[in-house]
Amino acid sequence: MFARVKKVGPYEYLQIVENRREDKKSRQRVIATVGRVDELRAKGQIETLTRSLSRFSERVLLLLSERNENIHAEAKKIGPALIFERLWKEVGIDGILHRLLAGRKFGFEVERAVFLTVMHRLFTSGSDRSCDRWHRDYVIRGVDDLSLHHLYRAMAFLGEEVEDQTGCTFSPRCTKDIVEEELFHRRQDLFGALDIVFFDTTSLYFEGQGGTIGELGHSKDNRPDLAQMIVGVVLDREGNPVCSEMWPGATADVTTLIPVIGRIRNRFPIGQLCVVADRGMISGDTVAYLEKEKVPYILGGRMRKAREIRHDVLSRAGRYREVNPEGLSSKDPSPLKVKEVLVDNRRYIVCLNERQARKAAADRQSIIDALTEKIRSNPKSLVGNKGYRKYLSIDRDTVSLNEQKIEEEMRFDGKWVLKTNTGFTAEQVALKYKELWQVEQVFRDMKSVLDTRPIFHQRDETIKGHVFSSFLALVLIKELYRRLEKAGHDFEWADIKQDLSALQEITIEDNGRKLAVRSECAGVCGKVFQAVGVAIPVTVREAPRCL
């Protein structure tokens, strides 16, 4: 049965027609002629008739009149939770939390509150206060009845102290440490043992007092007026987050590596451990400890500040060797080169990238050319410029190029120096440190997730839980990247966030009935769903009836 328009003279008539089969032929029979189309439209009777008929359909909801004031439409984002709910379960975070919560009577779903906070870190970040408002625009299972005080209590659960305080350093062992250890055991069963770790830190400042962990210190965010804390993240060779450490804000980076090594050995069943860290972590005490404990290490050296490196290592003659990954032949016209230097049995690896050297030389020459022109025309404008100062000699009223400094800077072009006590070849040491660059790139991409500011908490346990939610977000992002890589995709995190958030479901309600319509799955969204193994929701579905 269907509707058709039949033209009779200058007029068109709307008819209801039925298809019937007679003598093996299809014939049409007019059931009713509703009226002239122009008159029906003028009176709005077509819309009235169609709406009336839709009441008898289980699957169809048609909205045809803007005059109907009973229509209600609501749009919510469905993509983020569909993807990360699956990863949350398959990584095992939900199971670990449910086990730790067994027997605890919180009166609300703590696991759902933690998941909500992690989702907020992934897609917006900020305070728990803003999270309480943010989730209203998203479809996330089991969070509709949560309020701000539930989020605070969930964060306090993650940061509360546990009975076993074995191996604690700057802060007591908390629930979050148990979660990290159980996640590690699950991953160890899948991917093998931990044999090399990478370590990096960042600082987070507080809008409030920040409990006892908040202290004034060297601010990487140029906010020396605010209390801050230091957050360290340990990553394995694949860039998987292993654990997080939190310290008072006055703690210097160079003092953190030693206690972290001790804690890692106490917390995780690992065999040989090789520490790879950048030049910000190195100090005399650190190296002495690693040597004493016979911990293999590869540490970046400070070429300009370390006298031994500047005068003895870089000035030592020797032939460079090309570095190629094992089993691969390099077609790079400017491959990485290394040479080994021993200074009183201390082993250094000098690395050279000639392409970077040429770029550094070209950049410096551009600066020198600009300086030469400025010295001729307006030398006084250079006095306060910190970027140019290292190339200048300033003597009262005269400004000139510092040729000695320029020549000294040329020694560093395209080079970096590694200090190691391992038995690896020079080529292997360089490749291990190159892995650190890759891990640091992952860390930089994820820094926005760790950007949990503003932090308004005043109790240490809620602060730790708040920051640990960011660590769990890193775990989920890395798992997503792993699956995308396995599927042959390489997407930017910003594109993933944007396209997942663009996937929405619009729910339209009319007279107690609901119809849900999904928006287009655009950009990288479809490939993300495929890589994670989640089915894309149907385009149109009937939502549960309103009671």
Protein backbone atom coordinates (compact mmCIF):
# COMPACT_ATOMS: atom_id res chain seq x y z
CA MET A 1 0.00 0.00 0.00
CA PHE A 2 1.31 3.43 -0.91
CA ALA A 3 0.38 7.03 -1.65
CA ARG A 4 0.38 8.52 -5.13
CA VAL A 5 -0.61 11.72 -6.88
CA LYS A 6 -3.01 11.58 -9.85
CA LYS A 7 -3.33 14.56 -12.15
CA VAL A 8 -6.83 15.40 -13.40
CA GLY A 9 -6.91 18.48 -15.57
CA PRO A 10 -5.14 21.37 -13.78
CA TYR A 11 -5.39 19.66 -10.35
CA GLU A 12 -3.47 16.94 -8.50
CA TYR A 13 -5.21 14.49 -6.17
CA LEU A 14 -3.66 12.46 -3.36
CA GLN A 15 -4.73 8.81 -3.42
CA ILE A 16 -4.14 5.74 -1.26
CA VAL A 17 -3.48 2.79 -3.58
CA GLU A 18 -3.19 -0.94 -2.97
CA ASN A 19 -1.20 -3.39 -5.09
CA ARG A 20 -2.96 -6.71 -5.74
CA ARG A 21 -2.17 -9.76 -7.84
CA GLU A 22 -4.98 -11.01 -10.11
CA ASP A 23 -4.45 -13.76 -12.69
CA LYS A 24 -0.69 -13.63 -12.07
CA LYS A 25 -0.66 -9.92 -12.83
CA SER A 26 -0.11 -6.98 -10.51
CA ARG A 27 -3.03 -4.58 -10.43
CA GLN A 28 -3.62 -1.37 -8.51
CA ARG A 29 -6.81 -0.52 -6.69
CA VAL A 30 -7.61 2.95 -5.34
CA ILE A 31 -8.67 2.56 -1.74
CA ALA A 32 -9.37 6.25 -1.16
CA THR A 33 -8.91 9.65 -2.75
CA VAL A 34 -7.91 11.92 0.10
CA GLY A 35 -8.37 15.22 -1.74
CA ARG A 36 -6.65 17.90 -3.80
CA VAL A 37 -2.99 18.20 -2.91
CA ASP A 38 -2.94 22.02 -2.88
CA GLU A 39 -5.91 22.21 -0.51
CA LEU A 40 -4.53 19.50 1.78
CA ARG A 41 -1.20 21.32 2.00
CA ALA A 42 -2.83 24.66 2.70
CA LYS A 43 -4.75 23.21 5.65
CA GLY A 44 -1.84 21.09 6.96
CA GLN A 45 -3.94 17.95 6.63
CA ILE A 46 -1.19 15.82 5.03
CA GLU A 47 0.98 16.26 8.11
CA THR A 48 -1.97 15.54 10.42
CA LEU A 49 -2.83 12.33 8.55
CA THR A 50 0.76 11.12 8.45
CA ARG A 51 1.30 11.81 12.15
CA SER A 52 -1.90 9.98 12.98
CA LEU A 53 -0.81 6.93 10.98
CA SER A 54 2.65 6.92 12.62
CA ARG A 55 1.02 6.12 15.97
CA PHE A 56 0.30 2.61 14.72
CA SER A 57 3.90 1.91 13.64
CA GLU A 58 6.43 0.30 15.95
CA ARG A 59 9.44 1.52 13.95
CA VAL A 60 8.53 4.89 12.46
CA LEU A 61 8.46 8.29 14.07
CA LEU A 62 7.91 11.17 11.65
CA LEU A 63 8.23 14.83 12.64
CA LEU A 64 6.50 16.91 10.06
CA SER A 65 5.17 20.03 11.70
CA GLU A 66 7.12 22.83 13.27
CA ARG A 67 3.92 23.77 15.06
CA ASN A 68 4.10 20.68 17.27
CA GLU A 69 5.38 21.90 20.64
CA ASN A 70 5.61 18.40 22.13
CA ILE A 71 8.69 17.47 20.13
CA HIS A 72 11.96 17.21 22.11
CA ALA A 73 15.40 16.59 20.56
CA GLU A 74 18.68 15.87 22.36
CA ALA A 75 22.15 15.25 20.87
CA LYS A 76 24.90 13.42 22.77
CA LYS A 77 28.38 12.20 21.80
CA ILE A 78 28.61 8.41 21.67
CA GLY A 79 31.97 7.70 19.98
CA PRO A 80 34.39 8.23 22.90
CA ALA A 81 32.71 5.89 25.39
CA LEU A 82 32.11 3.13 22.82
CA ILE A 83 35.83 2.90 22.06
CA PHE A 84 37.34 3.43 25.49
CA GLU A 85 34.77 1.34 27.36
CA ARG A 86 35.97 -1.63 25.28
CA LEU A 87 39.65 -0.83 25.96
CA TRP A 88 38.91 -0.25 29.66
CA LYS A 89 37.52 -3.77 29.95
CA GLU A 90 40.01 -5.59 27.73
CA VAL A 91 43.05 -3.97 29.38
CA GLY A 92 41.54 -5.17 32.67
CA ILE A 93 41.17 -1.94 34.62
CA ASP A 94 37.49 -2.50 35.42
CA GLY A 95 38.16 -6.00 36.78
CA ILE A 96 41.04 -4.79 38.98
CA LEU A 97 38.92 -1.99 40.45
CA HIS A 98 35.95 -4.26 41.09
CA ARG A 99 38.23 -6.71 42.94
CA LEU A 100 39.71 -3.95 45.10
CA LEU A 101 36.23 -2.58 45.80
CA ALA A 102 34.75 -5.93 46.83
CA GLY A 103 33.26 -5.60 50.31
CA ARG A 104 33.55 -1.81 50.33
CA LYS A 105 30.23 -0.01 50.80
CA PHE A 106 30.56 3.33 49.06
CA GLY A 107 26.91 3.63 48.09
CA PHE A 108 27.72 4.42 44.45
CA GLU A 109 29.61 2.84 41.53
CA VAL A 110 33.22 3.85 42.24
CA GLU A 111 34.50 2.09 39.11
CA ARG A 112 32.09 4.20 37.00
CA ALA A 113 33.28 7.38 38.70
CA VAL A 114 36.92 6.50 37.96
CA PHE A 115 36.09 5.68 34.33
CA LEU A 116 34.24 8.98 33.96
CA THR A 117 37.25 10.88 35.31
CA VAL A 118 39.60 9.05 32.93
CA MET A 119 37.32 9.86 29.98
CA HIS A 120 37.41 13.51 31.01
CA ARG A 121 41.23 13.42 31.04
CA LEU A 122 41.26 11.92 27.55
CA PHE A 123 38.96 14.38 25.83
CA THR A 124 39.09 17.64 27.78
CA SER A 125 41.09 17.40 31.01
CA GLY A 126 40.81 19.87 33.84
CA SER A 127 39.34 19.67 37.33
CA ASP A 128 36.85 17.16 38.69
CA ARG A 129 34.52 20.10 39.07
CA SER A 130 34.48 20.62 35.31
CA CYS A 131 34.16 16.85 34.77
CA ASP A 132 30.86 16.91 36.65
CA ARG A 133 29.44 19.28 34.02
CA TRP A 134 31.29 17.85 31.02
CA HIS A 135 29.71 14.39 31.00
CA ARG A 136 26.20 15.75 30.37
CA ASP A 137 27.06 15.99 26.65
CA TYR A 138 28.25 12.36 26.42
CA VAL A 139 26.63 8.94 26.56
CA ILE A 140 28.65 7.05 29.21
CA ARG A 141 27.12 4.01 30.84
CA GLY A 142 26.30 4.25 34.54
CA VAL A 143 27.34 7.85 35.25
CA ASP A 144 24.05 9.75 35.12
CA ASP A 145 23.49 9.49 38.88
CA LEU A 146 27.05 10.53 39.80
CA SER A 147 27.69 13.97 41.30
CA LEU A 148 30.80 15.93 42.21
CA HIS A 149 31.21 14.49 45.72
CA HIS A 150 31.17 10.98 44.20
CA LEU A 151 34.12 11.94 42.01
CA TYR A 152 36.02 13.29 45.02
CA ARG A 153 35.43 10.08 46.98
CA ALA A 154 36.54 7.95 44.00
CA MET A 155 39.77 9.95 43.73
CA ALA A 156 40.35 9.53 47.48
CA PHE A 157 39.92 5.75 47.05
CA LEU A 158 42.68 5.66 44.41
CA GLY A 159 45.00 7.71 46.61
CA GLU A 160 44.32 6.14 50.00
CA GLU A 161 47.19 4.41 51.78
CA VAL A 162 47.39 0.61 51.89
CA GLU A 163 48.70 -1.54 54.72
CA ASP A 164 51.78 -2.83 52.89
CA GLN A 165 54.25 0.07 52.77
CA THR A 166 57.24 -1.97 51.54
CA GLY A 167 59.59 0.08 49.38
CA CYS A 168 57.79 3.42 49.67
CA THR A 169 59.92 6.48 48.90
CA PHE A 170 58.70 10.06 48.74
CA SER A 171 55.08 9.15 49.42
CA PRO A 172 53.22 6.17 50.96
CA ARG A 173 51.99 3.21 48.90
CA CYS A 174 48.42 3.74 47.76
CA THR A 175 45.61 1.91 45.99
CA LYS A 176 46.87 3.27 42.71
CA ASP A 177 50.17 1.36 43.20
CA ILE A 178 48.26 -1.93 43.43
CA VAL A 179 46.38 -1.10 40.23
CA GLU A 180 49.67 -0.40 38.43
CA GLU A 181 51.22 -3.66 39.62
CA GLU A 182 48.24 -5.77 38.58
CA LEU A 183 48.15 -4.08 35.17
CA PHE A 184 51.84 -4.86 34.77
CA HIS A 185 51.30 -8.54 35.61
CA ARG A 186 48.53 -8.77 33.00
CA ARG A 187 50.72 -7.15 30.35
CA GLN A 188 53.74 -9.26 31.33
CA ASP A 189 51.75 -12.41 30.56
CA LEU A 190 51.01 -11.02 27.11
CA PHE A 191 54.20 -9.22 26.08
CA GLY A 192 57.05 -10.59 28.18
CA ALA A 193 59.31 -9.27 30.92
CA LEU A 194 60.50 -5.75 31.59
CA ASP A 195 64.16 -5.39 30.61
CA ILE A 196 64.56 -1.68 29.88
CA VAL A 197 62.77 1.37 31.25
CA PHE A 198 62.51 5.01 30.25
CA PHE A 199 61.84 7.77 32.73
CA ASP A 200 60.48 11.28 32.33
CA THR A 201 58.93 13.88 34.62
CA THR A 202 56.66 16.89 34.47
CA SER A 203 55.34 19.36 37.04
CA LEU A 204 51.74 20.26 37.85
CA TYR A 205 50.77 23.37 39.75
CA PHE A 206 47.80 23.91 42.07
CA GLU A 207 45.19 26.62 42.18
CA GLY A 208 44.64 25.70 45.85
CA GLN A 209 47.02 24.71 48.63
CA GLY A 210 47.75 21.25 47.22
CA GLY A 211 47.88 19.33 50.49
CA THR A 212 51.29 18.43 51.87
CA ILE A 213 52.56 17.28 48.47
CA GLY A 214 52.21 20.78 47.03
CA GLU A 215 55.38 22.85 47.47
CA LEU A 216 57.05 25.81 45.85
CA GLY A 217 59.87 24.73 43.55
CA HIS A 218 61.46 25.21 40.15
CA SER A 219 58.42 25.71 37.94
CA LYS A 220 58.56 24.33 34.39
CA ASP A 221 55.32 26.24 33.75
CA ASN A 222 56.72 29.64 34.76
CA ARG A 223 54.42 29.83 37.78
CA PRO A 224 56.85 30.12 40.73
CA ASP A 225 54.08 31.77 42.74
CA LEU A 226 52.02 28.57 42.95
CA ALA A 227 52.60 25.32 44.80
CA GLN A 228 53.33 22.37 42.55
CA MET A 229 54.02 18.65 42.56
CA ILE A 230 56.34 16.50 40.42
CA VAL A 231 54.92 13.58 38.44
CA GLY A 232 57.21 10.93 37.00
CA VAL A 233 56.17 8.24 34.54
CA VAL A 234 58.11 5.04 33.88
CA LEU A 235 57.67 3.55 30.40
CA ASP A 236 58.88 0.28 28.91
CA ARG A 237 60.70 -0.09 25.58
CA GLU A 238 57.39 -0.01 23.68
CA GLY A 239 56.27 3.18 25.39
CA ASN A 240 53.73 1.38 27.61
CA PRO A 241 53.20 3.18 30.93
CA VAL A 242 54.51 0.97 33.73
CA CYS A 243 53.96 3.11 36.81
CA SER A 244 53.69 6.68 38.01
CA GLU A 245 55.50 8.39 40.88
CA MET A 246 54.51 11.59 42.67
CA TRP A 247 56.75 13.85 44.75
CA PRO A 248 56.57 17.20 46.51
CA GLY A 249 57.11 20.16 44.23
CA ALA A 250 60.55 21.11 45.57
CA THR A 251 62.12 17.79 44.50
CA ALA A 252 64.79 18.16 41.81
CA ASP A 253 64.78 15.87 38.77
CA VAL A 254 68.30 14.64 39.44
CA THR A 255 67.25 13.19 42.82
CA THR A 256 64.32 11.15 41.52
CA LEU A 257 65.97 8.45 39.43
CA ILE A 258 67.70 6.60 42.32
CA PRO A 259 64.58 6.00 44.45
CA VAL A 260 62.56 5.14 41.34
CA ILE A 261 65.01 2.34 40.48
CA GLY A 262 64.68 0.93 43.98
CA ARG A 263 60.90 1.07 43.86
CA ILE A 264 60.73 -0.57 40.43
CA ARG A 265 62.83 -3.48 41.66
CA ASN A 266 60.65 -3.88 44.76
CA ARG A 267 57.34 -3.59 42.94
CA PHE A 268 57.89 -5.55 39.74
CA PRO A 269 59.39 -9.02 39.20
CA ILE A 270 62.04 -8.04 36.69
CA GLY A 271 65.42 -9.51 35.89
CA GLN A 272 68.07 -7.38 34.23
CA LEU A 273 67.14 -3.71 34.24
CA CYS A 274 68.71 -1.10 31.98
CA VAL A 275 67.83 2.49 32.71
CA VAL A 276 67.68 4.93 29.79
CA ALA A 277 67.19 8.58 30.77
CA ASP A 278 67.87 11.97 29.25
CA ARG A 279 70.41 14.53 30.38
CA GLY A 280 68.02 16.13 32.86
CA MET A 281 68.32 13.07 35.12
CA ILE A 282 72.09 12.77 35.30
CA SER A 283 74.16 13.85 38.29
CA GLY A 284 77.32 12.67 39.99
CA ASP A 285 75.38 11.01 42.82
CA THR A 286 73.07 9.29 40.35
CA VAL A 287 75.93 7.80 38.34
CA ALA A 288 77.76 6.74 41.51
CA TYR A 289 74.68 4.91 42.75
CA LEU A 290 74.12 3.14 39.43
CA GLU A 291 77.75 2.07 39.36
CA LYS A 292 77.66 0.85 42.96
CA GLU A 293 74.47 -1.15 42.44
CA LYS A 294 75.74 -2.39 39.06
CA VAL A 295 72.65 -1.12 37.29
CA PRO A 296 73.18 -0.90 33.52
CA TYR A 297 72.45 2.60 32.27
CA ILE A 298 72.49 4.78 29.18
CA LEU A 299 72.37 8.44 30.17
CA GLY A 300 72.42 11.51 28.00
CA GLY A 301 75.33 13.81 28.80
CA ARG A 302 75.32 17.59 29.06
CA MET A 303 77.81 18.58 26.39
CA ARG A 304 78.04 22.24 27.24
CA LYS A 305 77.94 22.00 31.04
CA ALA A 306 79.95 18.83 31.75
CA ARG A 307 83.64 19.80 31.66
CA GLU A 308 84.85 16.25 30.98
CA ILE A 309 82.54 15.89 27.99
CA ARG A 310 83.30 19.35 26.65
CA HIS A 311 87.07 19.17 26.94
CA ASP A 312 88.02 15.48 26.89
CA VAL A 313 85.30 13.58 25.04
CA LEU A 314 84.44 15.91 22.18
CA SER A 315 88.10 16.79 21.52
CA ARG A 316 89.16 13.13 21.26
CA ALA A 317 89.98 12.00 17.72
CA GLY A 318 88.45 8.86 16.27
CA ARG A 319 86.62 7.45 13.30
CA TYR A 320 82.82 7.41 13.24
CA ARG A 321 80.89 4.26 12.26
CA GLU A 322 77.46 4.20 10.67
CA VAL A 323 74.55 2.86 12.72
CA ASN A 324 71.94 0.68 11.08
CA PRO A 325 69.15 -1.27 12.79
CA GLU A 326 70.01 -4.96 12.97
CA GLY A 327 69.25 -6.81 9.76
CA LEU A 328 68.45 -3.65 7.78
CA SER A 329 70.55 -1.79 5.22
CA SER A 330 70.38 1.99 5.47
CA LYS A 331 69.46 4.04 2.43
CA ASP A 332 69.56 7.24 4.45
CA PRO A 333 71.96 9.68 2.73
CA SER A 334 72.87 11.01 6.18
CA PRO A 335 72.80 8.05 8.59
CA LEU A 336 73.53 8.26 12.30
CA LYS A 337 77.22 7.80 13.11
CA VAL A 338 78.90 6.89 16.40
CA LYS A 339 82.33 6.62 17.94
CA GLU A 340 83.44 5.35 21.34
CA VAL A 341 85.60 7.35 23.76
CA LEU A 342 87.09 6.12 27.05
CA VAL A 343 88.12 8.61 29.73
CA ASP A 344 89.67 6.93 32.80
CA ASN A 345 87.56 3.80 32.16
CA ARG A 346 84.42 5.90 31.84
CA ARG A 347 82.71 4.97 28.60
CA TYR A 348 81.18 7.60 26.32
CA ILE A 349 79.46 7.25 22.94
CA VAL A 350 79.60 10.33 20.68
CA CYS A 351 76.71 10.37 18.19
CA LEU A 352 76.65 12.47 15.03
CA ASN A 353 73.81 13.24 12.65
CA GLU A 354 75.27 15.15 9.71
CA ARG A 355 71.89 16.34 8.51
CA GLN A 356 71.21 17.94 11.90
CA ALA A 357 74.75 19.36 11.84
CA ARG A 358 74.10 21.07 8.50
CA LYS A 359 70.80 22.45 9.75
CA ALA A 360 72.39 23.78 12.96
CA ALA A 361 75.16 25.44 10.94
CA ALA A 362 72.67 27.02 8.53
CA ASP A 363 70.48 28.30 11.39
CA ARG A 364 73.49 29.77 13.17
CA GLN A 365 74.72 31.45 9.97
CA SER A 366 71.31 33.06 9.51
CA ILE A 367 71.56 34.45 13.03
CA ILE A 368 75.11 35.70 12.43
CA ASP A 369 74.07 37.42 9.19
CA ALA A 370 71.19 39.12 11.00
CA LEU A 371 73.51 40.14 13.85
CA THR A 372 76.06 41.59 11.45
CA GLU A 373 73.37 43.77 9.90
CA LYS A 374 72.04 44.83 13.30
CA ILE A 375 75.51 45.74 14.55
CA ARG A 376 75.90 48.10 11.60
CA SER A 377 72.47 49.73 11.91
CA ASN A 378 71.30 49.57 15.55
CA PRO A 379 73.69 47.75 17.94
CA LYS A 380 71.93 48.97 21.10
CA SER A 381 68.83 46.89 20.24
CA LEU A 382 70.88 43.69 20.71
CA VAL A 383 71.95 44.27 24.29
CA GLY A 384 68.79 42.88 25.91
CA ASN A 385 68.19 40.02 23.45
CA LYS A 386 68.91 36.73 25.24
CA GLY A 387 68.71 34.70 22.04
CA TYR A 388 71.55 36.65 20.43
CA ARG A 389 73.65 37.30 23.53
CA LYS A 390 75.69 34.08 23.34
CA TYR A 391 77.11 35.14 19.96
CA LEU A 392 78.04 38.67 21.06
CA SER A 393 80.84 40.42 22.90
CA ILE A 394 79.49 43.45 24.74
CA ASP A 395 81.97 45.93 26.14
CA ARG A 396 80.33 49.10 27.40
CA ASP A 397 79.53 51.05 24.25
CA THR A 398 80.71 48.47 21.70
CA VAL A 399 78.97 45.35 20.42
CA SER A 400 80.75 42.80 18.23
CA LEU A 401 80.54 39.17 17.20
CA ASN A 402 82.17 36.70 19.59
CA GLU A 403 84.17 34.62 17.12
CA GLN A 404 85.51 32.35 19.85
CA LYS A 405 81.99 31.49 21.04
CA ILE A 406 80.82 30.87 17.48
CA GLU A 407 83.70 28.51 16.84
CA GLU A 408 83.00 26.70 20.12
CA GLU A 409 79.34 26.24 19.22
CA MET A 410 80.35 24.64 15.93
CA ARG A 411 81.79 21.69 17.90
CA PHE A 412 78.30 20.73 19.05
CA ASP A 413 76.55 20.74 15.67
CA GLY A 414 74.54 17.56 15.16
CA LYS A 415 76.17 15.82 18.12
CA TRP A 416 75.06 14.34 21.42
CA VAL A 417 77.01 12.32 23.95
CA LEU A 418 75.89 9.24 25.88
CA LYS A 419 77.45 7.83 29.02
CA THR A 420 77.04 4.10 29.64
CA ASN A 421 78.33 1.19 31.69
CA THR A 422 76.64 -1.48 29.58
CA GLY A 423 78.29 -4.13 27.46
CA PHE A 424 76.35 -3.01 24.40
CA THR A 425 78.26 -1.98 21.30
CA ALA A 426 78.38 1.71 20.49
CA GLU A 427 75.80 1.13 17.76
CA GLN A 428 73.45 -0.67 20.16
CA VAL A 429 73.79 2.10 22.75
CA ALA A 430 72.83 4.71 20.15
CA LEU A 431 69.80 2.68 19.06
CA LYS A 432 68.66 2.20 22.67
CA TYR A 433 68.84 5.93 23.25
CA LYS A 434 67.00 6.51 19.98
CA GLU A 435 64.18 4.44 21.47
CA LEU A 436 64.09 7.02 24.26
CA TRP A 437 63.40 9.70 21.66
CA GLN A 438 60.48 7.68 20.38
CA VAL A 439 59.18 7.19 23.90
CA GLU A 440 59.61 10.89 24.63
CA GLN A 441 57.62 11.68 21.50
CA VAL A 442 54.82 9.52 22.84
CA PHE A 443 55.20 11.27 26.18
CA ARG A 444 55.00 14.70 24.53
CA ASP A 445 51.90 13.66 22.60
CA MET A 446 50.34 12.55 25.88
CA LYS A 447 51.41 15.60 27.92
CA SER A 448 47.98 17.13 27.29
CA VAL A 449 46.48 14.15 29.11
CA LEU A 450 48.71 14.78 32.13
CA ASP A 451 47.66 18.44 32.06
CA THR A 452 45.15 17.96 34.88
CA ARG A 453 45.07 21.61 35.90
CA PRO A 454 43.49 23.34 37.62
CA ILE A 455 43.86 21.11 40.68
CA PHE A 456 41.64 22.33 43.52
CA HIS A 457 42.06 19.37 45.93
CA GLN A 458 43.57 19.99 49.36
CA ARG A 459 44.04 16.38 50.53
CA ASP A 460 46.96 14.27 49.34
CA GLU A 461 44.83 11.19 48.63
CA THR A 462 42.41 13.04 46.32
CA ILE A 463 45.34 14.80 44.59
CA LYS A 464 47.05 11.47 43.91
CA GLY A 465 43.83 9.93 42.64
CA HIS A 466 43.23 12.91 40.40
CA VAL A 467 46.67 12.62 38.82
CA PHE A 468 46.51 8.81 38.63
CA SER A 469 43.42 9.13 36.45
CA SER A 470 45.71 10.77 33.91
CA PHE A 471 48.07 7.77 34.13
CA LEU A 472 45.15 5.44 33.38
CA ALA A 473 44.30 7.65 30.42
CA LEU A 474 47.88 7.15 29.15
CA VAL A 475 47.40 3.38 29.47
CA LEU A 476 44.26 3.51 27.32
CA ILE A 477 45.81 5.78 24.70
CA LYS A 478 48.83 3.53 24.35
CA GLU A 479 46.59 0.46 23.96
CA LEU A 480 44.62 2.29 21.28
CA TYR A 481 47.85 3.21 19.46
CA ARG A 482 48.99 -0.41 19.65
CA ARG A 483 45.81 -1.63 17.99
CA LEU A 484 45.88 1.08 15.35
CA GLU A 485 49.49 0.22 14.53
CA LYS A 486 48.57 -3.45 14.24
CA ALA A 487 45.84 -2.48 11.77
CA GLY A 488 48.33 -0.42 9.75
CA HIS A 489 47.07 3.04 10.78
CA ASP A 490 49.01 6.06 12.03
CA PHE A 491 46.62 8.76 13.22
CA GLU A 492 47.22 11.93 15.22
CA TRP A 493 45.63 11.95 18.68
CA ALA A 494 43.96 15.30 17.93
CA ASP A 495 42.22 13.79 14.87
CA ILE A 496 41.09 10.74 16.83
CA LYS A 497 39.58 12.91 19.56
CA GLN A 498 37.83 15.20 17.12
CA ASP A 499 36.32 12.46 14.96
CA LEU A 500 35.20 10.27 17.88
CA SER A 501 33.56 13.27 19.54
CA ALA A 502 31.81 14.15 16.28
CA LEU A 503 29.96 10.81 16.32
CA GLN A 504 26.67 11.72 17.95
CA GLU A 505 23.26 10.25 18.49
CA ILE A 506 20.27 12.58 18.22
CA THR A 507 17.28 11.34 20.20
CA ILE A 508 13.92 12.76 19.08
CA GLU A 509 10.91 12.36 21.37
CA ASP A 510 7.33 12.87 20.29
CA ASN A 511 4.26 11.95 22.36
CA GLY A 512 6.15 9.47 24.53
CA ARG A 513 7.99 7.77 21.66
CA LYS A 514 11.70 8.11 20.90
CA LEU A 515 13.73 7.71 17.73
CA ALA A 516 17.55 7.73 17.83
CA VAL A 517 19.46 8.85 14.73
CA ARG A 518 23.24 8.45 14.49
CA SER A 519 25.37 11.09 12.78
CA GLU A 520 27.81 10.24 10.00
CA CYS A 521 30.96 8.31 10.96
CA ALA A 522 33.49 10.69 9.40
CA GLY A 523 37.26 11.09 9.24
CA VAL A 524 39.32 8.42 11.02
CA CYS A 525 36.38 7.40 13.22
CA GLY A 526 35.40 4.29 11.24
CA LYS A 527 38.95 2.93 11.13
CA VAL A 528 39.32 3.44 14.90
CA PHE A 529 36.14 1.43 15.51
CA GLN A 530 37.41 -1.31 13.20
CA ALA A 531 40.86 -1.46 14.84
CA VAL A 532 39.36 -1.77 18.34
CA GLY A 533 36.74 -4.30 17.21
CA VAL A 534 33.65 -2.26 18.09
CA ALA A 535 30.59 -2.29 15.83
CA ILE A 536 29.35 1.12 14.70
CA PRO A 537 25.77 1.68 15.93
CA VAL A 538 22.94 1.51 13.39
CA THR A 539 21.96 4.77 11.72
CA VAL A 540 18.36 4.78 12.99
CA ARG A 541 16.86 2.88 15.90
CA GLU A 542 13.83 3.17 18.11
CA ALA A 543 14.82 4.19 21.61
CA PRO A 544 13.03 2.79 24.69
CA ARG A 545 9.57 4.25 25.19
CA CYS A 546 9.03 6.94 27.80
CA LEU A 547 6.77 5.84 30.65
